[in-house]
Amino acid sequence: MYFLTALGCTIIATLLWFFFRDRKNLHLEILAITYGAATLMWLVDCIFSAAGGEGFLSFEFPTDGWISLWTVLGGIFIWLILAFILNNKEKTAVTE
């Protein structure tokens, strides 16, 4: 479930970046890359789970629900922090 959540977030973030790429101060490429990396990480986890004899996807509640929630919130948190840093860096470079 967390793999599908990360994949969905990657698709949404990539579409947002594609349609709003002229707004550079949003730094949506960071959000797309963050969720893309999380998707790759969960894909490797699913492959190793399948190789270990378990199912490729897991739908255990509430564990997978919490992991999915933390994946979404973690990606948004990283994006907000990096966008804030990059936007402030640009403002200080202009004022100096």
C-alpha atoms as a PDB file:
ATOM      1  CA  MET A   1       0.000   0.000   0.000  1.00  0.00           C
ATOM      2  CA  TYR A   2       2.814   2.408   0.800  1.00  0.00           C
ATOM      3  CA  PHE A   3       4.379   1.720  -2.619  1.00  0.00           C
ATOM      4  CA  LEU A   4       1.122   2.640  -4.344  1.00  0.00           C
ATOM      5  CA  THR A   5       0.795   5.754  -2.163  1.00  0.00           C
ATOM      6  CA  ALA A   6       4.319   6.892  -3.040  1.00  0.00           C
ATOM      7  CA  LEU A   7       3.683   6.151  -6.720  1.00  0.00           C
ATOM      8  CA  GLY A   8       0.489   8.205  -6.639  1.00  0.00           C
ATOM      9  CA  CYS A   9       2.284  11.086  -4.943  1.00  0.00           C
ATOM     10  CA  THR A  10       5.054  10.895  -7.556  1.00  0.00           C
ATOM     11  CA  ILE A  11       2.543  11.082 -10.388  1.00  0.00           C
ATOM     12  CA  ILE A  12       0.677  13.999  -8.793  1.00  0.00           C
ATOM     13  CA  ALA A  13       3.885  15.906  -7.988  1.00  0.00           C
ATOM     14  CA  THR A  14       5.225  15.361 -11.512  1.00  0.00           C
ATOM     15  CA  LEU A  15       1.984  16.609 -13.054  1.00  0.00           C
ATOM     16  CA  LEU A  16       2.027  19.652 -10.763  1.00  0.00           C
ATOM     17  CA  TRP A  17       5.614  20.374 -11.762  1.00  0.00           C
ATOM     18  CA  PHE A  18       4.768  19.958 -15.460  1.00  0.00           C
ATOM     19  CA  PHE A  19       1.812  22.335 -15.369  1.00  0.00           C
ATOM     20  CA  PHE A  20       3.411  24.901 -13.025  1.00  0.00           C
ATOM     21  CA  ARG A  21       7.037  24.721 -14.170  1.00  0.00           C
ATOM     22  CA  ASP A  22       7.030  28.431 -15.015  1.00  0.00           C
ATOM     23  CA  ARG A  23       6.649  29.212 -11.294  1.00  0.00           C
ATOM     24  CA  LYS A  24      10.231  28.501 -10.272  1.00  0.00           C
ATOM     25  CA  ASN A  25       9.786  29.690  -6.677  1.00  0.00           C
ATOM     26  CA  LEU A  26       7.517  26.707  -5.901  1.00  0.00           C
ATOM     27  CA  HIS A  27      10.391  24.258  -6.504  1.00  0.00           C
ATOM     28  CA  LEU A  28       7.981  21.463  -7.412  1.00  0.00           C
ATOM     29  CA  GLU A  29      10.864  19.528  -8.954  1.00  0.00           C
ATOM     30  CA  ILE A  30      12.085  18.871  -5.414  1.00  0.00           C
ATOM     31  CA  LEU A  31       8.716  17.411  -4.478  1.00  0.00           C
ATOM     32  CA  ALA A  32       8.678  15.196  -7.583  1.00  0.00           C
ATOM     33  CA  ILE A  33      12.230  13.977  -6.959  1.00  0.00           C
ATOM     34  CA  THR A  34      11.518  13.309  -3.284  1.00  0.00           C
ATOM     35  CA  TYR A  35       8.451  11.198  -4.016  1.00  0.00           C
ATOM     36  CA  GLY A  36      10.236   9.521  -6.934  1.00  0.00           C
ATOM     37  CA  ALA A  37      13.045   8.471  -4.602  1.00  0.00           C
ATOM     38  CA  ALA A  38      10.509   7.180  -2.062  1.00  0.00           C
ATOM     39  CA  THR A  39       8.771   5.212  -4.820  1.00  0.00           C
ATOM     40  CA  LEU A  40      12.077   3.667  -5.859  1.00  0.00           C
ATOM     41  CA  MET A  41      12.846   2.776  -2.242  1.00  0.00           C
ATOM     42  CA  TRP A  42       9.442   1.112  -1.731  1.00  0.00           C
ATOM     43  CA  LEU A  43       9.759  -0.689  -5.083  1.00  0.00           C
ATOM     44  CA  VAL A  44      13.038  -2.246  -3.966  1.00  0.00           C
ATOM     45  CA  ASP A  45      11.371  -3.193  -0.665  1.00  0.00           C
ATOM     46  CA  CYS A  46       8.481  -4.835  -2.541  1.00  0.00           C
ATOM     47  CA  ILE A  47      10.883  -6.763  -4.785  1.00  0.00           C
ATOM     48  CA  PHE A  48      12.828  -8.070  -1.806  1.00  0.00           C
ATOM     49  CA  SER A  49       9.583  -8.980  -0.052  1.00  0.00           C
ATOM     50  CA  ALA A  50       8.466 -10.951  -3.096  1.00  0.00           C
ATOM     51  CA  ALA A  51      11.870 -12.627  -3.332  1.00  0.00           C
ATOM     52  CA  GLY A  52      11.588 -13.572   0.346  1.00  0.00           C
ATOM     53  CA  GLY A  53       8.335 -15.414  -0.259  1.00  0.00           C
ATOM     54  CA  GLU A  54       5.949 -12.698   0.903  1.00  0.00           C
ATOM     55  CA  GLY A  55       3.479 -10.822  -1.270  1.00  0.00           C
ATOM     56  CA  PHE A  56       4.670  -8.034  -3.548  1.00  0.00           C
ATOM     57  CA  LEU A  57       2.198  -5.564  -2.056  1.00  0.00           C
ATOM     58  CA  SER A  58       1.082  -5.440   1.547  1.00  0.00           C
ATOM     59  CA  PHE A  59      -2.301  -4.218   2.734  1.00  0.00           C
ATOM     60  CA  GLU A  60      -2.020  -4.662   6.495  1.00  0.00           C
ATOM     61  CA  PHE A  61      -4.028  -2.094   8.408  1.00  0.00           C
ATOM     62  CA  PRO A  62      -3.184   0.054  10.372  1.00  0.00           C
ATOM     63  CA  THR A  63       0.573  -0.471   9.866  1.00  0.00           C
ATOM     64  CA  ASP A  64       0.642   0.209   6.128  1.00  0.00           C
ATOM     65  CA  GLY A  65      -1.724   3.138   6.564  1.00  0.00           C
ATOM     66  CA  TRP A  66       0.656   4.785   9.015  1.00  0.00           C
ATOM     67  CA  ILE A  67       3.664   4.119   6.780  1.00  0.00           C
ATOM     68  CA  SER A  68       1.794   5.668   3.845  1.00  0.00           C
ATOM     69  CA  LEU A  69       0.839   8.707   5.902  1.00  0.00           C
ATOM     70  CA  TRP A  70       4.420   9.237   7.077  1.00  0.00           C
ATOM     71  CA  THR A  71       5.665   8.890   3.489  1.00  0.00           C
ATOM     72  CA  VAL A  72       3.290  11.619   2.306  1.00  0.00           C
ATOM     73  CA  LEU A  73       3.999  13.927   5.252  1.00  0.00           C
ATOM     74  CA  GLY A  74       7.759  13.341   5.062  1.00  0.00           C
ATOM     75  CA  GLY A  75       7.859  14.284   1.388  1.00  0.00           C
ATOM     76  CA  ILE A  76       5.841  17.439   1.990  1.00  0.00           C
ATOM     77  CA  PHE A  77       8.012  18.367   4.985  1.00  0.00           C
ATOM     78  CA  ILE A  78      11.255  17.953   3.032  1.00  0.00           C
ATOM     79  CA  TRP A  79       9.822  19.944   0.124  1.00  0.00           C
ATOM     80  CA  LEU A  80       8.674  22.807   2.374  1.00  0.00           C
ATOM     81  CA  ILE A  81      12.026  23.045   4.165  1.00  0.00           C
ATOM     82  CA  LEU A  82      14.083  22.978   0.950  1.00  0.00           C
ATOM     83  CA  ALA A  83      11.766  25.408  -0.856  1.00  0.00           C
ATOM     84  CA  PHE A  84      11.980  27.784   2.107  1.00  0.00           C
ATOM     85  CA  ILE A  85      15.786  27.573   2.144  1.00  0.00           C
ATOM     86  CA  LEU A  86      16.109  28.047  -1.617  1.00  0.00           C
ATOM     87  CA  ASN A  87      13.656  30.955  -1.717  1.00  0.00           C
ATOM     88  CA  ASN A  88      15.431  32.726   1.136  1.00  0.00           C
ATOM     89  CA  LYS A  89      18.786  32.078  -0.485  1.00  0.00           C
ATOM     90  CA  GLU A  90      17.560  33.790  -3.660  1.00  0.00           C
ATOM     91  CA  LYS A  91      16.256  36.793  -1.701  1.00  0.00           C
ATOM     92  CA  THR A  92      19.524  37.297   0.193  1.00  0.00           C
ATOM     93  CA  ALA A  93      21.545  37.022  -3.027  1.00  0.00           C
ATOM     94  CA  VAL A  94      19.425  39.785  -4.581  1.00  0.00           C
ATOM     95  CA  THR A  95      19.716  42.144  -1.600  1.00  0.00           C
ATOM     96  CA  GLU A  96      23.501  41.822  -1.247  1.00  0.00           C
END
